[in-house]
Each structure stands twice: as structure tokens, then as C-alpha cells.
C-alpha atoms as a PDB file:
ATOM      1  CA  GLY A   1      43.780  23.003 -67.763  1.00  0.00           C
ATOM      2  CA  HIS A   2      47.416  22.876 -66.706  1.00  0.00           C
ATOM      3  CA  ASN A   3      49.405  26.040 -66.314  1.00  0.00           C
ATOM      4  CA  ALA A   4      53.014  25.980 -67.627  1.00  0.00           C
ATOM      5  CA  ILE A   5      54.186  27.965 -64.598  1.00  0.00           C
ATOM      6  CA  GLN A   6      52.642  25.467 -62.173  1.00  0.00           C
ATOM      7  CA  GLU A   7      54.366  22.594 -63.979  1.00  0.00           C
ATOM      8  CA  ARG A   8      57.765  24.337 -63.998  1.00  0.00           C
ATOM      9  CA  TYR A   9      57.872  25.209 -60.299  1.00  0.00           C
ATOM     10  CA  LEU A  10      57.207  23.251 -57.137  1.00  0.00           C
ATOM     11  CA  VAL A  11      56.333  25.249 -54.026  1.00  0.00           C
ATOM     12  CA  ILE A  12      57.064  23.646 -50.654  1.00  0.00           C
ATOM     13  CA  LYS A  13      56.901  25.726 -47.498  1.00  0.00           C
ATOM     14  CA  PRO A  14      59.744  25.684 -44.985  1.00  0.00           C
ATOM     15  CA  LYS A  15      59.061  23.985 -41.668  1.00  0.00           C
ATOM     16  CA  ARG A  16      62.136  25.361 -39.897  1.00  0.00           C
ATOM     17  CA  VAL A  17      65.167  27.526 -40.711  1.00  0.00           C
ATOM     18  CA  VAL A  18      68.428  27.070 -38.776  1.00  0.00           C
ATOM     19  CA  ARG A  19      70.926  29.903 -39.289  1.00  0.00           C
ATOM     20  CA  HIS A  20      74.676  29.567 -38.753  1.00  0.00           C
ATOM     21  CA  LYS A  21      75.393  30.178 -35.047  1.00  0.00           C
ATOM     22  CA  SER A  22      77.816  33.017 -35.914  1.00  0.00           C
ATOM     23  CA  TYR A  23      75.511  34.771 -38.422  1.00  0.00           C
ATOM     24  CA  ASN A  24      75.215  38.533 -37.970  1.00  0.00           C
ATOM     25  CA  SER A  25      73.059  40.631 -40.292  1.00  0.00           C
ATOM     26  CA  ASN A  26      75.616  43.468 -40.417  1.00  0.00           C
ATOM     27  CA  GLY A  27      75.797  43.258 -44.220  1.00  0.00           C
ATOM     28  CA  LYS A  28      79.266  41.678 -44.485  1.00  0.00           C
ATOM     29  CA  ASN A  29      77.961  38.314 -45.791  1.00  0.00           C
ATOM     30  CA  ILE A  30      79.931  36.356 -43.194  1.00  0.00           C
ATOM     31  CA  HIS A  31      78.433  33.025 -42.068  1.00  0.00           C
ATOM     32  CA  ASP A  32      75.326  33.834 -44.135  1.00  0.00           C
ATOM     33  CA  ILE A  33      74.229  30.237 -44.564  1.00  0.00           C
ATOM     34  CA  ALA A  34      71.297  28.296 -43.150  1.00  0.00           C
ATOM     35  CA  LEU A  35      69.651  24.894 -43.272  1.00  0.00           C
ATOM     36  CA  ILE A  36      66.026  24.809 -44.365  1.00  0.00           C
ATOM     37  CA  GLU A  37      63.850  21.897 -43.269  1.00  0.00           C
ATOM     38  CA  LEU A  38      60.870  21.506 -45.591  1.00  0.00           C
ATOM     39  CA  GLU A  39      57.295  20.663 -44.563  1.00  0.00           C
ATOM     40  CA  GLN A  40      57.379  17.566 -46.760  1.00  0.00           C
ATOM     41  CA  ALA A  41      59.955  15.226 -48.256  1.00  0.00           C
ATOM     42  CA  VAL A  42      61.129  15.834 -51.825  1.00  0.00           C
ATOM     43  CA  SER A  43      62.434  13.466 -54.478  1.00  0.00           C
ATOM     44  CA  PHE A  44      65.492  14.419 -56.513  1.00  0.00           C
ATOM     45  CA  ASN A  45      63.942  12.356 -59.331  1.00  0.00           C
ATOM     46  CA  ASP A  46      61.463  15.231 -59.781  1.00  0.00           C
ATOM     47  CA  SER A  47      62.819  17.532 -62.514  1.00  0.00           C
ATOM     48  CA  ARG A  48      61.593  20.568 -60.538  1.00  0.00           C
ATOM     49  CA  ILE A  49      63.959  19.740 -57.644  1.00  0.00           C
ATOM     50  CA  GLY A  50      67.635  20.659 -57.830  1.00  0.00           C
ATOM     51  CA  PHE A  51      70.691  21.501 -55.788  1.00  0.00           C
ATOM     52  CA  ALA A  52      71.750  24.944 -54.598  1.00  0.00           C
ATOM     53  CA  CYS A  53      75.248  25.892 -55.754  1.00  0.00           C
ATOM     54  CA  LEU A  54      77.436  27.689 -53.227  1.00  0.00           C
ATOM     55  CA  PRO A  55      80.215  30.071 -54.296  1.00  0.00           C
ATOM     56  CA  LEU A  56      83.814  28.881 -54.413  1.00  0.00           C
ATOM     57  CA  ASN A  57      86.509  29.957 -51.944  1.00  0.00           C
ATOM     58  CA  HIS A  58      87.715  32.822 -54.156  1.00  0.00           C
ATOM     59  CA  VAL A  59      84.564  34.892 -53.545  1.00  0.00           C
ATOM     60  CA  ASN A  60      85.213  38.498 -52.518  1.00  0.00           C
ATOM     61  CA  GLN A  61      84.011  39.511 -49.050  1.00  0.00           C
ATOM     62  CA  GLY A  62      81.134  41.979 -49.174  1.00  0.00           C
ATOM     63  CA  GLU A  63      80.105  41.029 -52.715  1.00  0.00           C
ATOM     64  CA  SER A  64      76.387  40.394 -53.265  1.00  0.00           C
ATOM     65  CA  TYR A  65      75.021  37.139 -54.661  1.00  0.00           C
ATOM     66  CA  PRO A  66      71.485  36.176 -55.707  1.00  0.00           C
ATOM     67  CA  PRO A  67      69.454  34.540 -52.934  1.00  0.00           C
ATOM     68  CA  ILE A  68      68.340  30.934 -53.257  1.00  0.00           C
ATOM     69  CA  GLY A  69      65.120  30.813 -55.223  1.00  0.00           C
ATOM     70  CA  LYS A  70      66.260  33.311 -57.860  1.00  0.00           C
ATOM     71  CA  GLU A  71      67.013  31.913 -61.294  1.00  0.00           C
ATOM     72  CA  THR A  72      70.762  31.829 -61.863  1.00  0.00           C
ATOM     73  CA  TYR A  73      72.841  30.225 -64.582  1.00  0.00           C
ATOM     74  CA  ASP A  74      75.894  27.994 -64.303  1.00  0.00           C
ATOM     75  CA  TYR A  75      78.929  28.049 -66.586  1.00  0.00           C
ATOM     76  CA  HIS A  76      77.124  25.836 -69.122  1.00  0.00           C
ATOM     77  CA  ASN A  77      74.326  28.448 -69.304  1.00  0.00           C
ATOM     78  CA  LYS A  78      71.880  26.001 -67.741  1.00  0.00           C
ATOM     79  CA  ILE A  79      69.288  27.359 -65.349  1.00  0.00           C
ATOM     80  CA  GLN A  80      69.944  26.332 -61.766  1.00  0.00           C
END
């Protein structure tokens, strides 16, 4: 039978990760962004695929944010 968890999530492995050229893992969250190339193409028509939301400019330096892949909620209380 089908598993509700399998239907809710789509797992695609990364093929390559390209970090920002100025990234430094010193814990200050500066330039902590990367591009992730997936092993296969995805369709944004699939309800399990969505966009990652980046923080706005008013974010405080040194503040922690959930990593991509964690469930977070937007201002309409919709899961992202």
C-alpha cells in the first residue's frame, strides 16, 4: 500500500553543491548560501516541490535560521 509520508515528500539526491566563493564556516552566517544541482530534473507542477524562501535584508547578523529541508511556516501559516 501507499505510505502517507512517501506521498508527502519527494527525495532527490544532490549531484553537486556550489558554495558562495566567500563562504567561511566561522559561525557568523556571512555568505552562507549555495546552489544545489539535483541528480534529476524536477517539475514545479508537482505539489511536493516548492521554493526556498530567503530572509529579508533586515535579518540580524549572527542570528540562526532553520536549514533548508526543515519545515518552516510563512506569514500565512502555510508550510513551506
